[in-house]
Amino acid sequence: MKEKEEERLKHMLEIEDSLYQRGYKLVCGVDEAGRGPLCGPVVAAAVILNKDEMIEGVNDSKKLSEKKRENLYDIISKKALAVGVGISDVDIIEDINILNATKLAMKQAINNLKINPDFVLIDGNQMIDIDIDAQTVVSGDAKSESIAAASIIAKVTRDRLLKDYDKKYPEYGFAKHKGYGTKAHIEAIKKYGLTPIHRKSFCSKFIKEDK
């Protein structure tokens, strides 16, 4: 591992290391992907890394190329002590709003871990209702290796779902923009209308549906 990369990762492990020193053994990072898009689910991931093994290249998923994310997804899935994923689909988002849907997906991700963490690091500033010691970390995917790993798992999982949706609705270009509000996506909505995976409340400014 290159010296600069090793130093960066050590910096990203400072939060986890402080928790290990306090006696916690299984620290879980939690992050989400898909709060902002006009369609598709919001996906959360929870990851417990091996504290004795750093994974080279782990970083905020937004700073990585798609190819690098895919490679790290496989490495994290193999080397992590546990990985859990939670998904809130469009109906849930529309029913309880995106913030609550995100919190629900995060809880599901933690519950889907094969081992129970004793501390949870949550990206952002919104605490979730769990019976585990936890703290929020603003911009956590750039400060914590566990949260960064979770951001990669969540992003790749969601991107794969949107690629599947692209096969069903090829005219919208989901494989390219992953559901975000790009000019091409908005034009497709105006031309073809909304699909069942679109978040109607997010798209109301672009299209008026007949009631």
C-alpha atoms as a PDB file:
ATOM      1  CA  MET A   1       0.000   0.000   0.000  1.00  0.00           C
ATOM      2  CA  LYS A   2       1.438   3.380  -0.957  1.00  0.00           C
ATOM      3  CA  GLU A   3       2.594   5.547   1.935  1.00  0.00           C
ATOM      4  CA  LYS A   4       0.249   8.433   1.072  1.00  0.00           C
ATOM      5  CA  GLU A   5      -2.747   6.109   0.770  1.00  0.00           C
ATOM      6  CA  GLU A   6      -1.876   4.409   4.050  1.00  0.00           C
ATOM      7  CA  GLU A   7      -1.685   7.787   5.777  1.00  0.00           C
ATOM      8  CA  ARG A   8      -5.079   8.788   4.340  1.00  0.00           C
ATOM      9  CA  LEU A   9      -6.675   5.578   5.557  1.00  0.00           C
ATOM     10  CA  LYS A  10      -5.156   5.955   9.009  1.00  0.00           C
ATOM     11  CA  HIS A  11      -6.754   9.406   9.161  1.00  0.00           C
ATOM     12  CA  MET A  12     -10.085   7.875   8.129  1.00  0.00           C
ATOM     13  CA  LEU A  13      -9.782   5.330  10.955  1.00  0.00           C
ATOM     14  CA  GLU A  14      -9.348   7.902  13.716  1.00  0.00           C
ATOM     15  CA  ILE A  15     -13.038   7.797  14.690  1.00  0.00           C
ATOM     16  CA  GLU A  16     -13.097   4.000  14.736  1.00  0.00           C
ATOM     17  CA  ASP A  17      -9.809   3.815  16.634  1.00  0.00           C
ATOM     18  CA  SER A  18     -11.161   6.110  19.345  1.00  0.00           C
ATOM     19  CA  LEU A  19     -14.153   3.781  19.725  1.00  0.00           C
ATOM     20  CA  TYR A  20     -11.933   0.687  19.912  1.00  0.00           C
ATOM     21  CA  GLN A  21      -9.944   2.405  22.659  1.00  0.00           C
ATOM     22  CA  ARG A  22     -13.197   2.945  24.564  1.00  0.00           C
ATOM     23  CA  GLY A  23     -13.869  -0.789  24.447  1.00  0.00           C
ATOM     24  CA  TYR A  24     -16.154  -1.158  21.434  1.00  0.00           C
ATOM     25  CA  LYS A  25     -15.242  -4.098  19.207  1.00  0.00           C
ATOM     26  CA  LEU A  26     -17.721  -4.124  16.308  1.00  0.00           C
ATOM     27  CA  VAL A  27     -18.100  -0.658  14.796  1.00  0.00           C
ATOM     28  CA  CYS A  28     -20.579  -0.313  11.958  1.00  0.00           C
ATOM     29  CA  GLY A  29     -20.621   2.457   9.355  1.00  0.00           C
ATOM     30  CA  VAL A  30     -23.934   3.387   7.726  1.00  0.00           C
ATOM     31  CA  ASP A  31     -24.586   5.491   4.620  1.00  0.00           C
ATOM     32  CA  GLU A  32     -27.185   5.871   1.889  1.00  0.00           C
ATOM     33  CA  ALA A  33     -27.435   6.455  -1.837  1.00  0.00           C
ATOM     34  CA  GLY A  34     -30.341   7.955  -3.707  1.00  0.00           C
ATOM     35  CA  ARG A  35     -31.908  10.673  -1.587  1.00  0.00           C
ATOM     36  CA  GLY A  36     -31.861  13.226  -4.406  1.00  0.00           C
ATOM     37  CA  PRO A  37     -32.910  11.392  -7.611  1.00  0.00           C
ATOM     38  CA  LEU A  38     -36.303  11.761  -9.267  1.00  0.00           C
ATOM     39  CA  CYS A  39     -36.888   8.023  -9.370  1.00  0.00           C
ATOM     40  CA  GLY A  40     -35.949   4.691  -7.886  1.00  0.00           C
ATOM     41  CA  PRO A  41     -35.426   3.609  -4.298  1.00  0.00           C
ATOM     42  CA  VAL A  42     -33.183   5.002  -1.616  1.00  0.00           C
ATOM     43  CA  VAL A  43     -30.610   2.375  -0.647  1.00  0.00           C
ATOM     44  CA  ALA A  44     -28.688   2.189   2.619  1.00  0.00           C
ATOM     45  CA  ALA A  45     -25.767  -0.012   3.571  1.00  0.00           C
ATOM     46  CA  ALA A  46     -24.203  -0.985   6.891  1.00  0.00           C
ATOM     47  CA  VAL A  47     -20.637  -2.299   7.014  1.00  0.00           C
ATOM     48  CA  ILE A  48     -18.534  -3.702   9.848  1.00  0.00           C
ATOM     49  CA  LEU A  49     -14.892  -3.761   8.817  1.00  0.00           C
ATOM     50  CA  ASN A  50     -12.089  -5.854  10.264  1.00  0.00           C
ATOM     51  CA  LYS A  51     -10.238  -3.417  12.530  1.00  0.00           C
ATOM     52  CA  ASP A  52      -6.937  -5.159  11.795  1.00  0.00           C
ATOM     53  CA  GLU A  53      -7.143  -4.828   8.005  1.00  0.00           C
ATOM     54  CA  MET A  54      -7.320  -1.601   6.008  1.00  0.00           C
ATOM     55  CA  ILE A  55      -8.782  -1.793   2.503  1.00  0.00           C
ATOM     56  CA  GLU A  56      -6.786   0.273   0.025  1.00  0.00           C
ATOM     57  CA  GLY A  57      -8.775   2.793  -1.987  1.00  0.00           C
ATOM     58  CA  VAL A  58     -11.859   3.030   0.223  1.00  0.00           C
ATOM     59  CA  ASN A  59     -13.169   6.582   0.004  1.00  0.00           C
ATOM     60  CA  ASP A  60     -16.350   8.600  -0.371  1.00  0.00           C
ATOM     61  CA  SER A  61     -18.138   6.829  -3.242  1.00  0.00           C
ATOM     62  CA  LYS A  62     -18.708  10.161  -5.012  1.00  0.00           C
ATOM     63  CA  LYS A  63     -14.929  10.586  -5.369  1.00  0.00           C
ATOM     64  CA  LEU A  64     -14.460   7.226  -7.084  1.00  0.00           C
ATOM     65  CA  SER A  65     -14.997   6.152 -10.683  1.00  0.00           C
ATOM     66  CA  GLU A  66     -17.725   3.633 -11.406  1.00  0.00           C
ATOM     67  CA  LYS A  67     -15.125   0.977 -12.194  1.00  0.00           C
ATOM     68  CA  LYS A  68     -13.274   1.628  -8.927  1.00  0.00           C
ATOM     69  CA  ARG A  69     -16.525   1.460  -6.960  1.00  0.00           C
ATOM     70  CA  GLU A  70     -17.399  -1.868  -8.557  1.00  0.00           C
ATOM     71  CA  ASN A  71     -13.958  -3.298  -7.703  1.00  0.00           C
ATOM     72  CA  LEU A  72     -14.140  -2.052  -4.118  1.00  0.00           C
ATOM     73  CA  TYR A  73     -17.679  -3.401  -3.758  1.00  0.00           C
ATOM     74  CA  ASP A  74     -16.331  -6.909  -4.342  1.00  0.00           C
ATOM     75  CA  ILE A  75     -13.356  -6.398  -2.021  1.00  0.00           C
ATOM     76  CA  ILE A  76     -15.470  -4.938   0.791  1.00  0.00           C
ATOM     77  CA  SER A  77     -18.059  -7.704   0.432  1.00  0.00           C
ATOM     78  CA  LYS A  78     -15.278 -10.285   0.767  1.00  0.00           C
ATOM     79  CA  LYS A  79     -13.172  -8.701   3.519  1.00  0.00           C
ATOM     80  CA  ALA A  80     -15.762  -7.027   5.752  1.00  0.00           C
ATOM     81  CA  LEU A  81     -16.939  -8.852   8.855  1.00  0.00           C
ATOM     82  CA  ALA A  82     -20.513  -8.094   7.840  1.00  0.00           C
ATOM     83  CA  VAL A  83     -22.454  -6.162   5.185  1.00  0.00           C
ATOM     84  CA  GLY A  84     -26.153  -5.332   5.326  1.00  0.00           C
ATOM     85  CA  VAL A  85     -28.377  -3.526   2.810  1.00  0.00           C
ATOM     86  CA  GLY A  86     -31.753  -1.844   3.273  1.00  0.00           C
ATOM     87  CA  ILE A  87     -34.026  -0.495   0.544  1.00  0.00           C
ATOM     88  CA  SER A  88     -37.003   1.862   0.685  1.00  0.00           C
ATOM     89  CA  ASP A  89     -38.875   1.825  -2.596  1.00  0.00           C
ATOM     90  CA  VAL A  90     -40.776   4.641  -4.255  1.00  0.00           C
ATOM     91  CA  ASP A  91     -44.075   3.847  -2.531  1.00  0.00           C
ATOM     92  CA  ILE A  92     -42.423   4.141   0.872  1.00  0.00           C
ATOM     93  CA  ILE A  93     -40.694   7.391  -0.110  1.00  0.00           C
ATOM     94  CA  GLU A  94     -43.983   8.888  -1.266  1.00  0.00           C
ATOM     95  CA  ASP A  95     -45.805   7.640   1.836  1.00  0.00           C
ATOM     96  CA  ILE A  96     -43.453   8.728   4.634  1.00  0.00           C
ATOM     97  CA  ASN A  97     -41.120  11.217   2.812  1.00  0.00           C
ATOM     98  CA  ILE A  98     -37.518  10.793   1.757  1.00  0.00           C
ATOM     99  CA  LEU A  99     -35.956  11.535   5.166  1.00  0.00           C
ATOM    100  CA  ASN A 100     -38.007   8.920   6.990  1.00  0.00           C
ATOM    101  CA  ALA A 101     -37.588   6.462   4.112  1.00  0.00           C
ATOM    102  CA  THR A 102     -33.824   6.927   4.379  1.00  0.00           C
ATOM    103  CA  LYS A 103     -33.865   6.298   8.125  1.00  0.00           C
ATOM    104  CA  LEU A 104     -35.990   3.184   7.563  1.00  0.00           C
ATOM    105  CA  ALA A 105     -33.539   1.843   4.960  1.00  0.00           C
ATOM    106  CA  MET A 106     -30.653   2.473   7.368  1.00  0.00           C
ATOM    107  CA  LYS A 107     -32.388   0.530  10.132  1.00  0.00           C
ATOM    108  CA  GLN A 108     -33.053  -2.326   7.709  1.00  0.00           C
ATOM    109  CA  ALA A 109     -29.398  -2.352   6.665  1.00  0.00           C
ATOM    110  CA  ILE A 110     -28.271  -2.654  10.291  1.00  0.00           C
ATOM    111  CA  ASN A 111     -30.859  -5.359  10.979  1.00  0.00           C
ATOM    112  CA  ASN A 112     -29.643  -7.282   7.915  1.00  0.00           C
ATOM    113  CA  LEU A 113     -26.086  -7.580   9.240  1.00  0.00           C
ATOM    114  CA  LYS A 114     -25.163 -11.180  10.071  1.00  0.00           C
ATOM    115  CA  ILE A 115     -23.509 -10.020  13.301  1.00  0.00           C
ATOM    116  CA  ASN A 116     -24.692  -7.287  15.650  1.00  0.00           C
ATOM    117  CA  PRO A 117     -22.543  -4.158  15.979  1.00  0.00           C
ATOM    118  CA  ASP A 118     -21.912  -2.578  19.358  1.00  0.00           C
ATOM    119  CA  PHE A 119     -21.533   0.928  17.922  1.00  0.00           C
ATOM    120  CA  VAL A 120     -22.968   2.599  14.802  1.00  0.00           C
ATOM    121  CA  LEU A 121     -21.520   5.554  12.889  1.00  0.00           C
ATOM    122  CA  ILE A 122     -24.218   7.251  10.796  1.00  0.00           C
ATOM    123  CA  ASP A 123     -23.369   9.550   7.906  1.00  0.00           C
ATOM    124  CA  GLY A 124     -25.010  12.962   8.184  1.00  0.00           C
ATOM    125  CA  ASN A 125     -26.680  14.734  11.096  1.00  0.00           C
ATOM    126  CA  GLN A 126     -29.852  12.674  11.498  1.00  0.00           C
ATOM    127  CA  MET A 127     -29.904  10.061  14.250  1.00  0.00           C
ATOM    128  CA  ILE A 128     -31.938   6.908  13.650  1.00  0.00           C
ATOM    129  CA  ASP A 129     -34.005   5.041  16.225  1.00  0.00           C
ATOM    130  CA  ILE A 130     -31.876   2.023  17.177  1.00  0.00           C
ATOM    131  CA  ASP A 131     -31.070   0.298  20.459  1.00  0.00           C
ATOM    132  CA  ILE A 132     -27.316   0.492  19.838  1.00  0.00           C
ATOM    133  CA  ASP A 133     -24.808   3.143  20.875  1.00  0.00           C
ATOM    134  CA  ALA A 134     -24.423   5.488  17.913  1.00  0.00           C
ATOM    135  CA  GLN A 135     -23.283   8.876  16.700  1.00  0.00           C
ATOM    136  CA  THR A 136     -23.797  10.912  13.549  1.00  0.00           C
ATOM    137  CA  VAL A 137     -20.836  12.110  11.494  1.00  0.00           C
ATOM    138  CA  VAL A 138     -21.360  15.001   9.074  1.00  0.00           C
ATOM    139  CA  SER A 139     -19.542  14.220   5.802  1.00  0.00           C
ATOM    140  CA  GLY A 140     -18.754  10.869   7.381  1.00  0.00           C
ATOM    141  CA  ASP A 141     -17.994   9.207   4.053  1.00  0.00           C
ATOM    142  CA  ALA A 142     -14.871  11.384   3.890  1.00  0.00           C
ATOM    143  CA  LYS A 143     -13.935  10.931   7.567  1.00  0.00           C
ATOM    144  CA  SER A 144     -14.631   7.283   8.416  1.00  0.00           C
ATOM    145  CA  GLU A 145     -13.492   4.170   6.566  1.00  0.00           C
ATOM    146  CA  SER A 146     -16.559   2.264   7.766  1.00  0.00           C
ATOM    147  CA  ILE A 147     -18.967   4.911   6.487  1.00  0.00           C
ATOM    148  CA  ALA A 148     -17.015   5.244   3.230  1.00  0.00           C
ATOM    149  CA  ALA A 149     -17.253   1.471   2.719  1.00  0.00           C
ATOM    150  CA  ALA A 150     -21.002   1.662   3.350  1.00  0.00           C
ATOM    151  CA  SER A 151     -21.307   4.495   0.825  1.00  0.00           C
ATOM    152  CA  ILE A 152     -19.681   2.289  -1.827  1.00  0.00           C
ATOM    153  CA  ILE A 153     -21.946  -0.679  -1.100  1.00  0.00           C
ATOM    154  CA  ALA A 154     -25.050   1.528  -1.164  1.00  0.00           C
ATOM    155  CA  LYS A 155     -24.062   3.362  -4.356  1.00  0.00           C
ATOM    156  CA  VAL A 156     -23.157   0.233  -6.332  1.00  0.00           C
ATOM    157  CA  THR A 157     -26.294  -1.586  -5.157  1.00  0.00           C
ATOM    158  CA  ARG A 158     -28.513   1.293  -6.248  1.00  0.00           C
ATOM    159  CA  ASP A 159     -26.701   1.807  -9.564  1.00  0.00           C
ATOM    160  CA  ARG A 160     -27.235  -1.857 -10.403  1.00  0.00           C
ATOM    161  CA  LEU A 161     -30.951  -1.512  -9.685  1.00  0.00           C
ATOM    162  CA  LEU A 162     -31.171   1.506 -12.011  1.00  0.00           C
ATOM    163  CA  LYS A 163     -29.365  -0.410 -14.738  1.00  0.00           C
ATOM    164  CA  ASP A 164     -32.028  -3.096 -14.427  1.00  0.00           C
ATOM    165  CA  TYR A 165     -34.743  -0.427 -14.657  1.00  0.00           C
ATOM    166  CA  ASP A 166     -33.025   0.906 -17.781  1.00  0.00           C
ATOM    167  CA  LYS A 167     -33.756  -2.386 -19.540  1.00  0.00           C
ATOM    168  CA  LYS A 168     -37.438  -2.019 -18.698  1.00  0.00           C
ATOM    169  CA  TYR A 169     -37.667   1.695 -19.509  1.00  0.00           C
ATOM    170  CA  PRO A 170     -34.875   2.295 -22.067  1.00  0.00           C
ATOM    171  CA  GLU A 171     -36.183   5.656 -23.273  1.00  0.00           C
ATOM    172  CA  TYR A 172     -35.351   7.356 -19.938  1.00  0.00           C
ATOM    173  CA  GLY A 173     -31.606   6.683 -19.825  1.00  0.00           C
ATOM    174  CA  PHE A 174     -31.555   5.416 -16.238  1.00  0.00           C
ATOM    175  CA  ALA A 175     -28.282   3.508 -16.770  1.00  0.00           C
ATOM    176  CA  LYS A 176     -26.532   6.777 -17.551  1.00  0.00           C
ATOM    177  CA  HIS A 177     -27.919   9.302 -15.054  1.00  0.00           C
ATOM    178  CA  LYS A 178     -29.099   6.822 -12.372  1.00  0.00           C
ATOM    179  CA  GLY A 179     -32.363   8.706 -11.940  1.00  0.00           C
ATOM    180  CA  TYR A 180     -30.939  12.114 -11.107  1.00  0.00           C
ATOM    181  CA  GLY A 181     -32.561  15.226 -12.530  1.00  0.00           C
ATOM    182  CA  THR A 182     -30.362  15.743 -15.571  1.00  0.00           C
ATOM    183  CA  LYS A 183     -31.585  17.711 -18.551  1.00  0.00           C
ATOM    184  CA  ALA A 184     -31.975  14.503 -20.584  1.00  0.00           C
ATOM    185  CA  HIS A 185     -33.977  12.843 -17.809  1.00  0.00           C
ATOM    186  CA  ILE A 186     -36.326  15.799 -17.365  1.00  0.00           C
ATOM    187  CA  GLU A 187     -36.890  15.979 -21.119  1.00  0.00           C
ATOM    188  CA  ALA A 188     -37.733  12.259 -21.154  1.00  0.00           C
ATOM    189  CA  ILE A 189     -40.251  12.781 -18.350  1.00  0.00           C
ATOM    190  CA  LYS A 190     -41.898  15.613 -20.273  1.00  0.00           C
ATOM    191  CA  LYS A 191     -42.036  13.490 -23.431  1.00  0.00           C
ATOM    192  CA  TYR A 192     -43.013  10.072 -22.050  1.00  0.00           C
ATOM    193  CA  GLY A 193     -44.557  10.847 -18.665  1.00  0.00           C
ATOM    194  CA  LEU A 194     -43.823   9.146 -15.365  1.00  0.00           C
ATOM    195  CA  THR A 195     -43.007   5.474 -14.862  1.00  0.00           C
ATOM    196  CA  PRO A 196     -44.080   3.490 -11.773  1.00  0.00           C
ATOM    197  CA  ILE A 197     -40.596   4.012 -10.313  1.00  0.00           C
ATOM    198  CA  HIS A 198     -40.723   7.811 -10.500  1.00  0.00           C
ATOM    199  CA  ARG A 199     -41.235   9.794  -7.297  1.00  0.00           C
ATOM    200  CA  LYS A 200     -44.297  11.834  -8.209  1.00  0.00           C
ATOM    201  CA  SER A 201     -43.714  14.394  -5.473  1.00  0.00           C
ATOM    202  CA  PHE A 202     -40.191  14.986  -6.824  1.00  0.00           C
ATOM    203  CA  CYS A 203     -41.419  15.370 -10.417  1.00  0.00           C
ATOM    204  CA  SER A 204     -44.482  17.595  -9.960  1.00  0.00           C
ATOM    205  CA  LYS A 205     -42.619  20.656 -11.241  1.00  0.00           C
ATOM    206  CA  PHE A 206     -41.817  18.901 -14.522  1.00  0.00           C
ATOM    207  CA  ILE A 207     -45.108  17.235 -15.395  1.00  0.00           C
ATOM    208  CA  LYS A 208     -48.797  17.588 -14.599  1.00  0.00           C
ATOM    209  CA  GLU A 209     -50.637  14.303 -14.525  1.00  0.00           C
ATOM    210  CA  ASP A 210     -54.334  14.001 -15.184  1.00  0.00           C
ATOM    211  CA  LYS A 211     -56.249  13.305 -12.013  1.00  0.00           C
END
